[in-house]
Protein backbone atom coordinates (compact mmCIF):
# COMPACT_ATOMS: atom_id res chain seq x y z
CA MET A 1 29.98 2.94 68.36
CA VAL A 2 28.39 5.94 66.61
CA GLY A 3 31.45 8.02 67.42
CA THR A 4 33.71 5.45 65.80
CA VAL A 5 31.58 5.39 62.64
CA LEU A 6 31.67 9.19 62.50
CA VAL A 7 35.45 9.31 62.95
CA VAL A 8 36.08 6.66 60.28
CA SER A 9 33.69 8.22 57.80
CA GLY A 10 35.13 11.65 58.55
CA LEU A 11 38.65 10.43 57.89
CA VAL A 12 37.62 8.76 54.64
CA THR A 13 35.75 11.88 53.52
CA VAL A 14 38.67 14.15 54.35
CA ALA A 15 41.10 11.96 52.43
CA TRP A 16 38.82 11.52 49.43
CA GLY A 17 37.79 15.20 49.26
CA SER A 18 41.37 16.41 49.59
CA TRP A 19 42.62 14.05 46.90
CA ARG A 20 39.87 14.94 44.45
CA GLY A 21 40.22 18.68 45.22
CA TYR A 22 43.95 18.48 44.53
CA GLY A 23 43.34 16.70 41.27
CA ALA A 24 40.76 19.22 40.15
CA ALA A 25 42.99 22.16 41.08
CA ARG A 26 45.88 20.63 39.20
CA SER A 27 43.76 20.12 36.10
CA ALA A 28 42.46 23.70 36.40
CA LEU A 29 45.95 25.09 36.02
CA ALA A 30 47.03 22.80 33.17
CA PRO A 31 45.18 24.64 30.32
CA LEU A 32 46.49 27.99 31.52
CA VAL A 33 50.11 26.90 31.87
CA ARG A 34 50.50 25.20 28.48
CA GLU A 35 51.12 27.39 25.49
CA GLY A 36 48.93 25.37 23.17
CA ASP A 37 48.56 25.43 19.42
CA PRO A 38 49.68 28.81 17.97
CA THR A 39 46.70 29.08 15.60
CA ARG A 40 44.18 28.31 18.31
CA THR A 41 45.94 30.75 20.65
CA LEU A 42 45.59 33.54 18.06
CA ILE A 43 41.93 32.74 17.49
CA GLU A 44 41.18 32.70 21.22
CA ALA A 45 43.09 35.95 21.75
CA SER A 46 40.58 37.73 19.56
CA GLN A 47 37.60 36.50 21.65
CA PRO A 48 36.37 38.12 24.86
CA LEU A 49 37.79 36.66 28.05
CA HIS A 50 34.57 34.88 29.08
CA ALA A 51 34.26 33.17 25.68
CA ARG A 52 37.70 31.57 25.68
CA SER A 53 37.55 27.81 26.08
CA ARG A 54 40.68 27.61 28.26
CA VAL A 55 39.32 30.16 30.69
CA ARG A 56 35.92 28.44 30.88
CA LEU A 57 37.58 25.05 31.43
CA ALA A 58 39.85 26.47 34.15
CA ALA A 59 36.90 28.16 35.89
CA ARG A 60 34.89 24.92 35.77
CA HIS A 61 37.76 22.98 37.34
CA VAL A 62 38.30 25.63 40.01
CA LEU A 63 34.63 25.41 41.00
CA LEU A 64 34.91 21.63 41.10
CA ALA A 65 38.03 21.84 43.28
CA MET A 66 36.20 24.21 45.67
CA ALA A 67 33.30 21.76 45.88
CA TRP A 68 35.67 18.89 46.77
CA VAL A 69 37.29 21.08 49.42
CA CYS A 70 33.82 21.64 50.88
CA VAL A 71 33.29 17.86 50.97
CA SER A 72 36.61 17.57 52.76
CA MET A 73 35.58 20.21 55.27
CA TYR A 74 32.37 18.26 55.92
CA GLY A 75 34.58 15.29 56.69
CA LEU A 76 36.42 17.41 59.23
CA TYR A 77 33.10 18.29 60.80
CA LEU A 78 32.18 14.61 61.03
CA LEU A 79 35.53 13.91 62.58
CA THR A 80 35.04 16.66 65.17
CA VAL A 81 31.56 15.43 66.07
CA GLY A 82 32.78 11.86 66.34
CA LEU A 83 35.64 12.80 68.63
CA ALA A 84 33.46 15.03 70.84
CA GLY A 85 31.42 12.06 71.98
CA PRO A 86 27.90 12.13 73.41
CA ALA A 87 26.62 15.52 74.47
């Protein structure tokens, strides 16, 4: 019974973490791929790299994507423990 609960919760966690990680990674690349407003692009080009809003937004989304991948990996751990059975 406990093994079944671990397997089901592991599968749900893997699916949810993978989906959210994919979404966060996709949104991390969007500000960097788009050209954006020419005036804003010129203003941001004069700023240091760490002060640019697109770079900060992309970095925030990358960290969020990595956190969701960690959640997904925890789901894989739950799945492994559930399939291993009693020790």
